[in-house]
């Protein structure tokens, strides 16, 4: 899962203040290596915020095919997960979200996603002095202290050559470029999240019924 679900909040906030922000994070071992079947790496998300003269560029992604939260969401809804997302505890491909939680998630993009996730794993451990994913605990329960790592890098673009207008124009040209499907215009990272946030602020957040029941039970406790 995105154990640091607030990372894009902070990278966007930094970008709105005119700074470039990069946040990398580790998690408990949930992802199998390329050509492997055992959970050895975290989902190891990375978030990047870059200021422009308009809306900031905000990239937020896990280096797994999906974060663990999406698999748990499928389990709550009683839905199968798509093929290729995960393997079960025996290393066999599975579409069962419950079995997937006992196995491992696939890295996105095969060897490339595995390499990026491993690079984040090593960078965070080396620079933050934190545990490697097989030794990380406390992010999936409330019993153990959390010992995962977070690495935050902030850069003032004013130290460079001041290309914000060029960045703004380039992102605008991407959005205006010819789409494959005219009903789905080209977007850049951050656009979808801002759209969903605006809808949620207006209409609320739709929750799976089992999760809603859990929240009501907690409220009544």
N, C-alpha and C. Protein backbone atom coordinates (compact mmCIF):
# COMPACT_ATOMS: atom_id res chain seq x y z
N UNK A 1 0.84 -1.18 0.00
CA UNK A 1 0.00 0.00 0.00
C UNK A 1 0.88 1.23 0.00
N UNK A 2 0.29 2.37 -0.32
CA UNK A 2 1.02 3.61 -0.16
C UNK A 2 1.03 3.91 1.32
N UNK A 3 2.08 3.44 1.99
CA UNK A 3 2.14 3.67 3.43
C UNK A 3 2.26 5.16 3.71
N UNK A 4 2.81 5.90 2.78
CA UNK A 4 2.92 7.34 2.92
C UNK A 4 1.89 8.01 2.02
N UNK A 5 0.63 7.77 2.36
CA UNK A 5 -0.43 8.25 1.48
C UNK A 5 -0.47 9.77 1.42
N UNK A 6 0.23 10.47 2.34
CA UNK A 6 0.25 11.93 2.32
C UNK A 6 1.37 12.47 1.44
N UNK A 7 2.23 11.61 0.87
CA UNK A 7 3.35 12.10 0.08
C UNK A 7 2.94 13.08 -1.01
N UNK A 8 1.92 12.77 -1.85
CA UNK A 8 1.55 13.74 -2.89
C UNK A 8 1.02 15.04 -2.31
N UNK A 9 0.44 14.99 -1.11
CA UNK A 9 -0.01 16.23 -0.47
C UNK A 9 1.19 17.14 -0.23
N UNK A 10 2.27 16.56 0.29
CA UNK A 10 3.45 17.37 0.61
C UNK A 10 4.20 17.81 -0.63
N UNK A 11 4.30 16.94 -1.64
CA UNK A 11 4.99 17.37 -2.86
C UNK A 11 4.20 18.46 -3.58
N UNK A 12 2.87 18.34 -3.57
CA UNK A 12 2.06 19.39 -4.19
C UNK A 12 2.16 20.69 -3.40
N UNK A 13 2.14 20.59 -2.07
CA UNK A 13 2.25 21.80 -1.25
C UNK A 13 3.59 22.50 -1.48
N UNK A 14 4.66 21.71 -1.56
CA UNK A 14 5.98 22.29 -1.81
C UNK A 14 6.02 22.95 -3.19
N UNK A 15 5.43 22.27 -4.18
CA UNK A 15 5.43 22.83 -5.54
C UNK A 15 4.64 24.13 -5.60
N UNK A 16 3.54 24.20 -4.85
CA UNK A 16 2.75 25.44 -4.82
C UNK A 16 3.54 26.57 -4.16
N UNK A 17 4.50 26.20 -3.31
CA UNK A 17 5.37 27.20 -2.68
C UNK A 17 6.62 27.47 -3.52
N UNK A 18 6.67 26.90 -4.73
CA UNK A 18 7.76 27.20 -5.64
C UNK A 18 8.95 26.29 -5.56
N UNK A 19 8.84 25.16 -4.86
CA UNK A 19 9.96 24.24 -4.71
C UNK A 19 9.71 22.94 -5.47
N UNK A 20 10.77 22.35 -5.96
CA UNK A 20 10.71 20.99 -6.50
C UNK A 20 10.83 20.03 -5.32
N UNK A 21 9.95 19.06 -5.24
CA UNK A 21 9.97 18.11 -4.12
C UNK A 21 9.95 16.68 -4.65
N UNK A 22 10.78 15.85 -4.04
CA UNK A 22 10.80 14.42 -4.35
C UNK A 22 10.72 13.67 -3.02
N UNK A 23 9.73 12.81 -2.89
CA UNK A 23 9.61 11.98 -1.69
C UNK A 23 9.62 10.52 -2.10
N UNK A 24 10.49 9.76 -1.47
CA UNK A 24 10.55 8.32 -1.68
C UNK A 24 10.33 7.63 -0.35
N UNK A 25 9.66 6.49 -0.38
CA UNK A 25 9.29 5.81 0.85
C UNK A 25 9.39 4.30 0.66
N UNK A 26 9.66 3.60 1.76
CA UNK A 26 9.64 2.14 1.73
C UNK A 26 8.41 1.64 2.48
N UNK A 27 8.23 0.33 2.50
CA UNK A 27 7.12 -0.28 3.23
C UNK A 27 7.53 -1.68 3.63
N UNK A 28 6.62 -2.38 4.27
CA UNK A 28 6.88 -3.79 4.54
C UNK A 28 6.99 -4.54 3.22
N UNK A 29 7.67 -5.69 3.23
CA UNK A 29 7.89 -6.46 2.00
C UNK A 29 6.55 -6.98 1.47
N UNK A 30 6.14 -6.47 0.32
CA UNK A 30 4.85 -6.83 -0.29
C UNK A 30 4.99 -7.21 -1.76
N UNK A 31 6.15 -6.92 -2.35
CA UNK A 31 6.33 -7.04 -3.80
C UNK A 31 7.41 -8.08 -4.11
N UNK A 32 7.12 -8.93 -5.09
CA UNK A 32 8.14 -9.91 -5.48
C UNK A 32 9.07 -9.31 -6.52
N UNK A 33 10.34 -9.75 -6.55
CA UNK A 33 11.26 -9.26 -7.57
C UNK A 33 10.90 -9.80 -8.95
N UNK A 34 11.43 -9.17 -9.98
CA UNK A 34 11.24 -9.66 -11.34
C UNK A 34 11.75 -11.10 -11.42
N UNK A 35 10.93 -11.98 -11.97
CA UNK A 35 11.20 -13.41 -12.08
C UNK A 35 11.13 -14.14 -10.74
N UNK A 36 10.70 -13.44 -9.68
CA UNK A 36 10.59 -14.08 -8.38
C UNK A 36 9.14 -14.27 -7.97
N UNK A 37 8.94 -14.87 -6.81
CA UNK A 37 7.58 -15.11 -6.30
C UNK A 37 7.43 -14.71 -4.84
N UNK A 38 8.53 -14.41 -4.15
CA UNK A 38 8.46 -14.07 -2.73
C UNK A 38 8.43 -12.56 -2.53
N UNK A 39 7.68 -12.12 -1.53
CA UNK A 39 7.63 -10.69 -1.20
C UNK A 39 8.96 -10.27 -0.59
N UNK A 40 9.72 -9.48 -1.32
CA UNK A 40 11.06 -9.08 -0.88
C UNK A 40 11.24 -7.56 -0.84
N UNK A 41 10.41 -6.83 -1.57
CA UNK A 41 10.52 -5.37 -1.62
C UNK A 41 9.23 -4.73 -1.13
N UNK A 42 9.32 -3.46 -0.76
CA UNK A 42 8.12 -2.71 -0.46
C UNK A 42 7.46 -2.24 -1.75
N UNK A 43 6.28 -1.66 -1.61
CA UNK A 43 5.65 -1.03 -2.78
C UNK A 43 6.40 0.25 -3.15
N UNK A 44 7.20 0.75 -2.24
CA UNK A 44 8.19 1.80 -2.47
C UNK A 44 7.70 2.93 -3.37
N UNK A 45 6.71 3.70 -2.90
CA UNK A 45 6.18 4.79 -3.73
C UNK A 45 7.15 5.95 -3.87
N UNK A 46 6.96 6.68 -4.94
CA UNK A 46 7.71 7.91 -5.16
C UNK A 46 6.72 8.99 -5.58
N UNK A 47 6.92 10.18 -5.07
CA UNK A 47 6.08 11.32 -5.44
C UNK A 47 6.98 12.48 -5.82
N UNK A 48 6.63 13.16 -6.90
CA UNK A 48 7.42 14.29 -7.39
C UNK A 48 6.49 15.47 -7.63
N UNK A 49 6.85 16.61 -7.08
CA UNK A 49 6.10 17.84 -7.32
C UNK A 49 7.00 18.88 -7.96
N UNK A 50 6.53 19.47 -9.07
CA UNK A 50 7.33 20.47 -9.79
C UNK A 50 6.45 21.70 -10.03
N UNK A 51 6.90 22.88 -9.60
CA UNK A 51 6.07 24.07 -9.79
C UNK A 51 6.04 24.50 -11.25
N UNK A 52 4.91 25.07 -11.64
CA UNK A 52 4.77 25.71 -12.95
C UNK A 52 4.04 27.03 -12.73
N UNK A 53 3.79 27.74 -13.79
CA UNK A 53 3.04 28.99 -13.66
C UNK A 53 1.54 28.75 -13.55
N UNK A 54 1.13 27.48 -13.69
CA UNK A 54 -0.28 27.11 -13.53
C UNK A 54 -0.37 26.07 -12.41
N UNK A 55 -1.10 24.98 -12.64
CA UNK A 55 -1.17 23.92 -11.64
C UNK A 55 0.16 23.17 -11.59
N UNK A 56 0.63 22.78 -10.41
CA UNK A 56 1.90 22.06 -10.35
C UNK A 56 1.80 20.67 -10.95
N UNK A 57 2.92 20.19 -11.44
CA UNK A 57 3.03 18.80 -11.89
C UNK A 57 3.20 17.95 -10.64
N UNK A 58 2.35 16.94 -10.45
CA UNK A 58 2.44 16.07 -9.28
C UNK A 58 2.34 14.61 -9.72
N UNK A 59 3.44 13.91 -9.61
CA UNK A 59 3.48 12.48 -9.92
C UNK A 59 3.46 11.70 -8.61
N UNK A 60 2.63 10.69 -8.53
CA UNK A 60 2.57 9.84 -7.33
C UNK A 60 2.30 8.41 -7.78
N UNK A 61 3.24 7.52 -7.52
CA UNK A 61 3.03 6.13 -7.94
C UNK A 61 3.77 5.17 -7.04
N UNK A 62 3.20 3.98 -6.93
CA UNK A 62 3.89 2.88 -6.28
C UNK A 62 4.69 2.16 -7.36
N UNK A 63 5.77 1.50 -6.96
CA UNK A 63 6.56 0.76 -7.94
C UNK A 63 6.07 -0.68 -8.08
N UNK A 64 4.95 -0.98 -7.47
CA UNK A 64 4.24 -2.24 -7.70
C UNK A 64 3.16 -2.00 -8.74
N UNK A 65 2.61 -3.08 -9.31
CA UNK A 65 1.53 -2.94 -10.29
C UNK A 65 0.40 -2.12 -9.71
N UNK A 66 0.08 -2.37 -8.46
CA UNK A 66 -0.93 -1.61 -7.72
C UNK A 66 -0.48 -1.51 -6.26
N UNK A 67 -0.92 -0.51 -5.53
CA UNK A 67 -0.68 -0.50 -4.09
C UNK A 67 -1.54 -1.56 -3.40
N UNK A 68 -1.12 -2.00 -2.24
CA UNK A 68 -1.88 -3.01 -1.50
C UNK A 68 -3.29 -2.55 -1.21
N UNK A 69 -3.49 -1.24 -1.06
CA UNK A 69 -4.82 -0.73 -0.77
C UNK A 69 -5.85 -1.10 -1.82
N UNK A 70 -5.44 -1.15 -3.10
CA UNK A 70 -6.39 -1.52 -4.15
C UNK A 70 -6.78 -2.99 -4.05
N UNK A 71 -5.83 -3.83 -3.66
CA UNK A 71 -6.15 -5.24 -3.49
C UNK A 71 -7.11 -5.41 -2.31
N UNK A 72 -6.87 -4.68 -1.23
CA UNK A 72 -7.77 -4.75 -0.08
C UNK A 72 -9.16 -4.22 -0.45
N UNK A 73 -9.20 -3.20 -1.30
CA UNK A 73 -10.48 -2.66 -1.74
C UNK A 73 -11.27 -3.70 -2.53
N UNK A 74 -10.59 -4.46 -3.38
CA UNK A 74 -11.26 -5.53 -4.12
C UNK A 74 -11.79 -6.59 -3.15
N UNK A 75 -11.00 -6.90 -2.12
CA UNK A 75 -11.45 -7.89 -1.14
C UNK A 75 -12.70 -7.40 -0.41
N UNK A 76 -12.73 -6.12 -0.05
CA UNK A 76 -13.90 -5.56 0.62
C UNK A 76 -15.14 -5.64 -0.26
N UNK A 77 -14.96 -5.47 -1.56
CA UNK A 77 -16.10 -5.49 -2.48
C UNK A 77 -16.42 -6.89 -2.98
N UNK A 78 -15.61 -7.88 -2.57
CA UNK A 78 -15.85 -9.24 -3.02
C UNK A 78 -15.58 -9.42 -4.50
N UNK A 79 -14.66 -8.62 -5.04
CA UNK A 79 -14.36 -8.66 -6.47
C UNK A 79 -13.00 -9.31 -6.73
N UNK A 80 -12.87 -9.94 -7.87
CA UNK A 80 -11.58 -10.50 -8.27
C UNK A 80 -10.61 -9.37 -8.66
N UNK A 81 -9.32 -9.65 -8.52
CA UNK A 81 -8.32 -8.72 -9.02
C UNK A 81 -7.93 -9.14 -10.44
N UNK A 82 -7.49 -8.22 -11.27
CA UNK A 82 -7.11 -8.57 -12.64
C UNK A 82 -5.91 -9.52 -12.68
N UNK A 83 -5.80 -10.33 -13.71
CA UNK A 83 -4.63 -11.20 -13.87
C UNK A 83 -3.35 -10.36 -13.94
N UNK A 84 -2.29 -10.88 -13.34
CA UNK A 84 -1.01 -10.20 -13.40
C UNK A 84 -0.72 -9.29 -12.24
N UNK A 85 -1.71 -9.09 -11.37
CA UNK A 85 -1.48 -8.22 -10.22
C UNK A 85 -0.64 -8.88 -9.14
N UNK A 86 -0.88 -10.16 -8.88
CA UNK A 86 -0.26 -10.77 -7.71
C UNK A 86 -0.15 -12.28 -7.84
N UNK A 87 0.64 -12.86 -6.93
CA UNK A 87 0.73 -14.31 -6.78
C UNK A 87 0.29 -14.66 -5.36
N UNK A 88 -0.10 -15.93 -5.16
CA UNK A 88 -0.50 -16.36 -3.82
C UNK A 88 0.72 -16.81 -3.03
N UNK A 89 0.50 -17.36 -1.83
CA UNK A 89 1.60 -17.74 -0.95
C UNK A 89 2.49 -18.82 -1.56
N UNK A 90 1.97 -19.58 -2.51
CA UNK A 90 2.76 -20.62 -3.18
C UNK A 90 3.41 -20.12 -4.47
N UNK A 91 3.27 -18.83 -4.75
CA UNK A 91 3.89 -18.26 -5.94
C UNK A 91 3.11 -18.45 -7.22
N UNK A 92 1.85 -18.84 -7.10
CA UNK A 92 1.02 -19.05 -8.28
C UNK A 92 0.19 -17.80 -8.57
N UNK A 93 0.07 -17.42 -9.85
CA UNK A 93 -0.77 -16.26 -10.19
C UNK A 93 -2.18 -16.43 -9.63
N UNK A 94 -2.72 -15.36 -9.08
CA UNK A 94 -4.05 -15.45 -8.47
C UNK A 94 -4.89 -14.23 -8.82
N UNK A 95 -6.20 -14.45 -8.86
CA UNK A 95 -7.16 -13.35 -9.02
C UNK A 95 -7.97 -13.18 -7.74
N UNK A 96 -7.59 -13.89 -6.69
CA UNK A 96 -8.26 -13.82 -5.39
C UNK A 96 -7.56 -12.76 -4.54
N UNK A 97 -8.24 -11.65 -4.21
CA UNK A 97 -7.58 -10.59 -3.45
C UNK A 97 -7.16 -11.01 -2.05
N UNK A 98 -7.87 -11.97 -1.46
CA UNK A 98 -7.48 -12.45 -0.13
C UNK A 98 -6.20 -13.26 -0.22
N UNK A 99 -6.12 -14.16 -1.22
CA UNK A 99 -4.91 -14.95 -1.43
C UNK A 99 -3.73 -14.05 -1.79
N UNK A 100 -4.00 -12.98 -2.52
CA UNK A 100 -2.94 -12.05 -2.92
C UNK A 100 -2.30 -11.39 -1.71
N UNK A 101 -3.10 -11.13 -0.67
CA UNK A 101 -2.57 -10.50 0.53
C UNK A 101 -1.65 -11.43 1.30
N UNK A 102 -1.75 -12.73 1.04
CA UNK A 102 -0.86 -13.70 1.68
C UNK A 102 0.35 -14.00 0.81
N UNK A 103 0.35 -13.48 -0.44
CA UNK A 103 1.43 -13.75 -1.37
C UNK A 103 2.27 -12.51 -1.63
N UNK A 104 2.31 -12.07 -2.88
CA UNK A 104 3.14 -10.92 -3.24
C UNK A 104 2.55 -10.22 -4.45
N UNK A 105 2.73 -8.90 -4.50
CA UNK A 105 2.29 -8.10 -5.63
C UNK A 105 3.41 -8.06 -6.67
N UNK A 106 3.04 -7.95 -7.93
CA UNK A 106 4.04 -7.86 -9.01
C UNK A 106 4.59 -6.44 -9.11
N UNK A 107 5.86 -6.29 -9.49
CA UNK A 107 6.38 -4.96 -9.78
C UNK A 107 5.78 -4.46 -11.09
N UNK A 108 5.56 -3.15 -11.21
CA UNK A 108 5.01 -2.65 -12.47
C UNK A 108 6.11 -2.64 -13.53
N UNK A 109 5.71 -2.90 -14.76
CA UNK A 109 6.67 -2.80 -15.86
C UNK A 109 7.76 -3.84 -15.85
N UNK A 110 7.53 -4.97 -15.17
CA UNK A 110 8.52 -6.04 -15.18
C UNK A 110 9.85 -5.61 -14.59
N UNK A 111 10.93 -5.84 -15.34
CA UNK A 111 12.27 -5.57 -14.83
C UNK A 111 12.49 -4.08 -14.55
N UNK A 112 11.83 -3.19 -15.32
CA UNK A 112 12.03 -1.76 -15.12
C UNK A 112 11.44 -1.28 -13.79
N UNK A 113 10.21 -1.69 -13.52
CA UNK A 113 9.61 -1.32 -12.25
C UNK A 113 10.34 -1.93 -11.07
N UNK A 114 10.78 -3.17 -11.24
CA UNK A 114 11.57 -3.83 -10.20
C UNK A 114 12.85 -3.04 -9.93
N UNK A 115 13.53 -2.62 -11.00
CA UNK A 115 14.76 -1.85 -10.83
C UNK A 115 14.53 -0.53 -10.14
N UNK A 116 13.45 0.18 -10.52
CA UNK A 116 13.14 1.46 -9.87
C UNK A 116 12.79 1.24 -8.41
N UNK A 117 11.97 0.23 -8.12
CA UNK A 117 11.61 -0.04 -6.73
C UNK A 117 12.82 -0.40 -5.89
N UNK A 118 13.74 -1.16 -6.46
CA UNK A 118 14.95 -1.54 -5.74
C UNK A 118 15.85 -0.33 -5.51
N UNK A 119 15.94 0.55 -6.52
CA UNK A 119 16.74 1.77 -6.35
C UNK A 119 16.19 2.62 -5.21
N UNK A 120 14.86 2.77 -5.14
CA UNK A 120 14.24 3.52 -4.05
C UNK A 120 14.53 2.84 -2.71
N UNK A 121 14.40 1.53 -2.68
CA UNK A 121 14.70 0.76 -1.46
C UNK A 121 16.10 1.07 -0.94
N UNK A 122 17.08 1.03 -1.83
CA UNK A 122 18.47 1.23 -1.44
C UNK A 122 18.76 2.68 -1.09
N UNK A 123 18.21 3.62 -1.87
CA UNK A 123 18.43 5.04 -1.58
C UNK A 123 17.87 5.43 -0.22
N UNK A 124 16.64 5.02 0.06
CA UNK A 124 16.02 5.38 1.33
C UNK A 124 16.78 4.76 2.50
N UNK A 125 17.13 3.49 2.38
CA UNK A 125 17.86 2.83 3.46
C UNK A 125 19.22 3.48 3.68
N UNK A 126 19.91 3.83 2.58
CA UNK A 126 21.25 4.41 2.70
C UNK A 126 21.23 5.82 3.27
N UNK A 127 20.26 6.64 2.84
CA UNK A 127 20.25 8.05 3.23
C UNK A 127 19.40 8.34 4.47
N UNK A 128 18.37 7.54 4.70
CA UNK A 128 17.53 7.75 5.89
C UNK A 128 17.93 6.83 7.03
N UNK A 129 18.80 5.85 6.74
CA UNK A 129 19.25 4.94 7.79
C UNK A 129 18.15 4.04 8.31
N UNK A 130 17.19 3.72 7.45
CA UNK A 130 16.04 2.93 7.88
C UNK A 130 16.22 1.46 7.52
N UNK A 131 15.30 0.63 8.01
CA UNK A 131 15.34 -0.80 7.74
C UNK A 131 14.99 -1.08 6.29
N UNK A 132 15.54 -2.17 5.76
CA UNK A 132 15.13 -2.66 4.44
C UNK A 132 13.79 -3.36 4.58
N UNK A 133 13.05 -3.44 3.49
CA UNK A 133 11.66 -3.90 3.55
C UNK A 133 11.44 -5.23 4.26
N UNK A 134 12.30 -6.26 4.08
CA UNK A 134 12.06 -7.51 4.81
C UNK A 134 12.09 -7.35 6.33
N UNK A 135 12.72 -6.25 6.81
CA UNK A 135 12.78 -6.01 8.25
C UNK A 135 11.84 -4.89 8.70
N UNK A 136 11.09 -4.31 7.76
CA UNK A 136 10.16 -3.23 8.12
C UNK A 136 8.92 -3.82 8.78
N UNK A 137 8.41 -3.15 9.81
CA UNK A 137 7.17 -3.58 10.45
C UNK A 137 6.42 -2.35 10.95
N UNK A 138 5.17 -2.56 11.30
CA UNK A 138 4.36 -1.51 11.89
C UNK A 138 3.53 -0.69 10.92
N UNK A 139 3.66 -0.95 9.61
CA UNK A 139 2.86 -0.17 8.66
C UNK A 139 1.53 -0.85 8.34
N UNK A 140 1.42 -2.13 8.67
CA UNK A 140 0.19 -2.87 8.39
C UNK A 140 -0.54 -3.28 9.66
N UNK A 141 -0.04 -2.85 10.81
CA UNK A 141 -0.70 -3.18 12.08
C UNK A 141 -0.47 -2.04 13.06
N UNK A 142 -1.14 -2.12 14.19
CA UNK A 142 -0.96 -1.09 15.22
C UNK A 142 -0.29 -1.66 16.45
N UNK A 143 0.50 -2.73 16.27
CA UNK A 143 1.17 -3.39 17.38
C UNK A 143 2.65 -3.02 17.43
N UNK A 144 3.32 -3.09 16.27
CA UNK A 144 4.76 -2.83 16.23
C UNK A 144 5.05 -1.36 15.92
N UNK A 145 6.15 -0.83 16.44
CA UNK A 145 6.54 0.53 16.07
C UNK A 145 6.94 0.57 14.59
N UNK A 146 6.63 1.66 13.94
CA UNK A 146 6.94 1.80 12.51
C UNK A 146 8.42 2.12 12.33
N UNK A 147 9.09 1.36 11.49
CA UNK A 147 10.52 1.60 11.26
C UNK A 147 10.87 1.72 9.78
N UNK A 148 9.88 2.07 8.97
CA UNK A 148 10.17 2.26 7.55
C UNK A 148 10.83 3.62 7.33
N UNK A 149 11.34 3.83 6.12
CA UNK A 149 12.06 5.06 5.85
C UNK A 149 11.32 6.02 4.94
N UNK A 150 11.64 7.29 5.09
CA UNK A 150 11.13 8.35 4.22
C UNK A 150 12.31 9.22 3.80
N UNK A 151 12.38 9.56 2.54
CA UNK A 151 13.44 10.43 2.05
C UNK A 151 12.80 11.61 1.33
N UNK A 152 13.06 12.82 1.80
CA UNK A 152 12.51 14.03 1.20
C UNK A 152 13.64 14.87 0.63
N UNK A 153 13.53 15.22 -0.62
CA UNK A 153 14.51 16.08 -1.29
C UNK A 153 13.79 17.32 -1.78
N UNK A 154 14.28 18.50 -1.39
CA UNK A 154 13.71 19.77 -1.82
C UNK A 154 14.76 20.55 -2.61
N UNK A 155 14.34 21.11 -3.73
CA UNK A 155 15.25 21.88 -4.57
C UNK A 155 14.58 23.20 -4.94
N UNK A 156 15.31 24.29 -4.80
CA UNK A 156 14.80 25.60 -5.22
C UNK A 156 15.14 25.80 -6.70
N UNK A 157 14.13 25.80 -7.58
CA UNK A 157 14.43 25.95 -9.01
C UNK A 157 15.06 27.30 -9.35
N UNK A 158 14.97 28.25 -8.42
CA UNK A 158 15.60 29.55 -8.67
C UNK A 158 17.11 29.42 -8.78
N UNK A 159 17.64 28.30 -8.24
CA UNK A 159 19.08 28.06 -8.35
C UNK A 159 19.47 27.64 -9.76
N UNK A 160 18.47 27.30 -10.59
CA UNK A 160 18.74 26.91 -11.97
C UNK A 160 18.62 28.09 -12.91
N UNK A 161 18.11 27.81 -14.12
CA UNK A 161 18.06 28.88 -15.12
C UNK A 161 16.65 29.44 -15.32
N UNK A 162 15.72 29.11 -14.39
CA UNK A 162 14.40 29.73 -14.44
C UNK A 162 13.59 29.38 -15.67
N UNK A 163 13.23 28.11 -15.80
CA UNK A 163 12.51 27.66 -17.00
C UNK A 163 11.03 27.40 -16.73
N UNK A 164 10.46 27.96 -15.65
CA UNK A 164 9.07 27.68 -15.33
C UNK A 164 8.12 28.02 -16.48
N UNK A 165 8.26 29.16 -17.15
CA UNK A 165 7.36 29.43 -18.28
C UNK A 165 7.45 28.35 -19.36
N UNK A 166 8.65 27.84 -19.62
CA UNK A 166 8.80 26.79 -20.63
C UNK A 166 8.13 25.51 -20.17
N UNK A 167 8.23 25.19 -18.87
CA UNK A 167 7.58 23.99 -18.35
C UNK A 167 6.07 24.12 -18.48
N UNK A 168 5.55 25.29 -18.14
CA UNK A 168 4.11 25.53 -18.23
C UNK A 168 3.62 25.35 -19.66
N UNK A 169 4.33 25.94 -20.61
CA UNK A 169 3.94 25.84 -22.01
C UNK A 169 4.02 24.40 -22.51
N UNK A 170 5.03 23.68 -22.05
CA UNK A 170 5.19 22.29 -22.49
C UNK A 170 4.05 21.42 -21.97
N UNK A 171 3.70 21.57 -20.69
CA UNK A 171 2.60 20.78 -20.13
C UNK A 171 1.29 21.14 -20.82
N UNK A 172 1.11 22.42 -21.14
CA UNK A 172 -0.11 22.83 -21.84
C UNK A 172 -0.16 22.17 -23.22
N UNK A 173 0.99 22.10 -23.89
CA UNK A 173 1.01 21.48 -25.22
C UNK A 173 0.72 19.98 -25.15
N UNK A 174 1.14 19.34 -24.06
CA UNK A 174 0.81 17.92 -23.88
C UNK A 174 -0.69 17.73 -23.76
N UNK A 175 -1.31 18.58 -22.94
CA UNK A 175 -2.76 18.46 -22.74
C UNK A 175 -3.54 18.72 -24.03
N UNK A 176 -2.99 19.57 -24.90
CA UNK A 176 -3.67 19.93 -26.14
C UNK A 176 -3.28 19.04 -27.31
N UNK A 177 -2.37 18.09 -27.08
CA UNK A 177 -1.95 17.22 -28.17
C UNK A 177 -3.07 16.26 -28.56
N UNK A 178 -2.97 15.71 -29.77
CA UNK A 178 -4.05 14.89 -30.33
C UNK A 178 -4.23 13.60 -29.52
N UNK A 179 -5.44 13.36 -29.00
CA UNK A 179 -5.69 12.15 -28.21
C UNK A 179 -6.04 10.96 -29.10
N UNK A 180 -5.82 9.77 -28.57
CA UNK A 180 -6.24 8.56 -29.27
C UNK A 180 -7.75 8.50 -29.36
N UNK A 181 -8.41 8.88 -28.24
CA UNK A 181 -9.87 8.91 -28.16
C UNK A 181 -10.28 10.35 -27.87
N UNK A 182 -10.99 11.02 -28.78
CA UNK A 182 -11.36 12.42 -28.57
C UNK A 182 -12.14 12.67 -27.28
N UNK A 183 -12.82 11.64 -26.79
CA UNK A 183 -13.59 11.82 -25.55
C UNK A 183 -12.71 11.76 -24.31
N UNK A 184 -11.44 11.38 -24.49
CA UNK A 184 -10.51 11.29 -23.37
C UNK A 184 -9.25 12.09 -23.70
N UNK A 185 -9.25 13.37 -23.40
CA UNK A 185 -8.09 14.21 -23.73
C UNK A 185 -6.83 13.78 -22.99
N UNK A 186 -5.70 14.14 -23.54
CA UNK A 186 -4.41 13.84 -22.91
C UNK A 186 -4.31 14.61 -21.60
N UNK A 187 -3.82 13.95 -20.57
CA UNK A 187 -3.63 14.57 -19.27
C UNK A 187 -2.17 14.41 -18.85
N UNK A 188 -1.78 15.12 -17.82
CA UNK A 188 -0.46 14.94 -17.23
C UNK A 188 -0.65 14.55 -15.77
N UNK A 189 0.36 13.92 -15.16
CA UNK A 189 0.21 13.50 -13.77
C UNK A 189 -0.26 14.64 -12.87
N UNK A 190 -1.22 14.34 -12.03
CA UNK A 190 -1.80 15.32 -11.13
C UNK A 190 -3.17 15.79 -11.57
N UNK A 191 -3.44 15.76 -12.89
CA UNK A 191 -4.74 16.23 -13.39
C UNK A 191 -5.88 15.37 -12.86
N UNK A 192 -5.73 14.05 -12.95
CA UNK A 192 -6.79 13.16 -12.53
C UNK A 192 -7.09 13.28 -11.05
N UNK A 193 -6.03 13.37 -10.23
CA UNK A 193 -6.22 13.49 -8.79
C UNK A 193 -6.95 14.78 -8.44
N UNK A 194 -6.59 15.88 -9.11
CA UNK A 194 -7.27 17.15 -8.84
C UNK A 194 -8.74 17.07 -9.22
N UNK A 195 -9.03 16.40 -10.33
CA UNK A 195 -10.42 16.25 -10.77
C UNK A 195 -11.21 15.42 -9.77
N UNK A 196 -10.63 14.29 -9.34
CA UNK A 196 -11.33 13.43 -8.36
C UNK A 196 -11.51 14.15 -7.03
N UNK A 197 -10.52 14.95 -6.64
CA UNK A 197 -10.63 15.69 -5.39
C UNK A 197 -11.75 16.71 -5.46
N UNK A 198 -11.87 17.39 -6.59
CA UNK A 198 -12.93 18.39 -6.75
C UNK A 198 -14.30 17.73 -6.68
N UNK A 199 -14.44 16.55 -7.30
CA UNK A 199 -15.71 15.83 -7.26
C UNK A 199 -16.02 15.38 -5.84
N UNK A 200 -14.99 14.87 -5.14
CA UNK A 200 -15.19 14.40 -3.77
C UNK A 200 -15.58 15.55 -2.84
N UNK A 201 -14.98 16.72 -3.04
CA UNK A 201 -15.32 17.87 -2.21
C UNK A 201 -16.77 18.29 -2.43
N UNK A 202 -17.28 18.06 -3.65
CA UNK A 202 -18.64 18.46 -3.98
C UNK A 202 -19.66 17.39 -3.64
N UNK A 203 -19.32 16.11 -3.92
CA UNK A 203 -20.30 15.03 -3.82
C UNK A 203 -20.01 14.04 -2.69
N UNK A 204 -18.84 14.15 -2.05
CA UNK A 204 -18.48 13.18 -1.03
C UNK A 204 -17.69 12.02 -1.61
N UNK A 205 -17.29 11.10 -0.75
CA UNK A 205 -16.47 9.95 -1.15
C UNK A 205 -17.31 8.69 -1.06
N UNK A 206 -17.38 7.94 -2.15
CA UNK A 206 -18.12 6.68 -2.16
C UNK A 206 -17.28 5.60 -1.49
N UNK A 207 -17.85 4.91 -0.50
CA UNK A 207 -17.14 3.86 0.23
C UNK A 207 -17.81 2.52 -0.01
N UNK A 208 -17.02 1.44 -0.11
CA UNK A 208 -17.62 0.10 -0.19
C UNK A 208 -18.46 -0.17 1.05
N UNK A 209 -19.58 -0.86 0.90
CA UNK A 209 -20.49 -1.11 2.02
C UNK A 209 -19.79 -1.78 3.20
N UNK A 210 -18.93 -2.80 2.99
CA UNK A 210 -18.25 -3.42 4.15
C UNK A 210 -17.40 -2.42 4.92
N UNK A 211 -16.72 -1.51 4.21
CA UNK A 211 -15.90 -0.51 4.89
C UNK A 211 -16.79 0.46 5.65
N UNK A 212 -17.90 0.84 5.06
CA UNK A 212 -18.83 1.74 5.74
C UNK A 212 -19.36 1.11 7.02
N UNK A 213 -19.64 -0.19 6.97
CA UNK A 213 -20.11 -0.90 8.16
C UNK A 213 -19.03 -0.95 9.24
N UNK A 214 -17.77 -1.13 8.83
CA UNK A 214 -16.68 -1.13 9.79
C UNK A 214 -16.56 0.23 10.48
N UNK A 215 -16.68 1.30 9.70
CA UNK A 215 -16.58 2.64 10.26
C UNK A 215 -17.73 2.92 11.22
N UNK A 216 -18.93 2.45 10.87
CA UNK A 216 -20.08 2.65 11.75
C UNK A 216 -19.91 1.86 13.05
N UNK A 217 -19.31 0.67 12.95
CA UNK A 217 -19.05 -0.13 14.14
C UNK A 217 -18.04 0.56 15.05
N UNK A 218 -17.02 1.17 14.45
CA UNK A 218 -16.04 1.91 15.25
C UNK A 218 -16.68 3.12 15.91
N UNK A 219 -17.58 3.79 15.18
CA UNK A 219 -18.26 4.95 15.73
C UNK A 219 -19.13 4.56 16.93
N UNK A 220 -19.74 3.37 16.83
CA UNK A 220 -20.64 2.93 17.90
C UNK A 220 -19.89 2.35 19.09
N UNK A 221 -18.64 2.00 18.90
CA UNK A 221 -17.87 1.34 19.98
C UNK A 221 -17.57 2.31 21.12
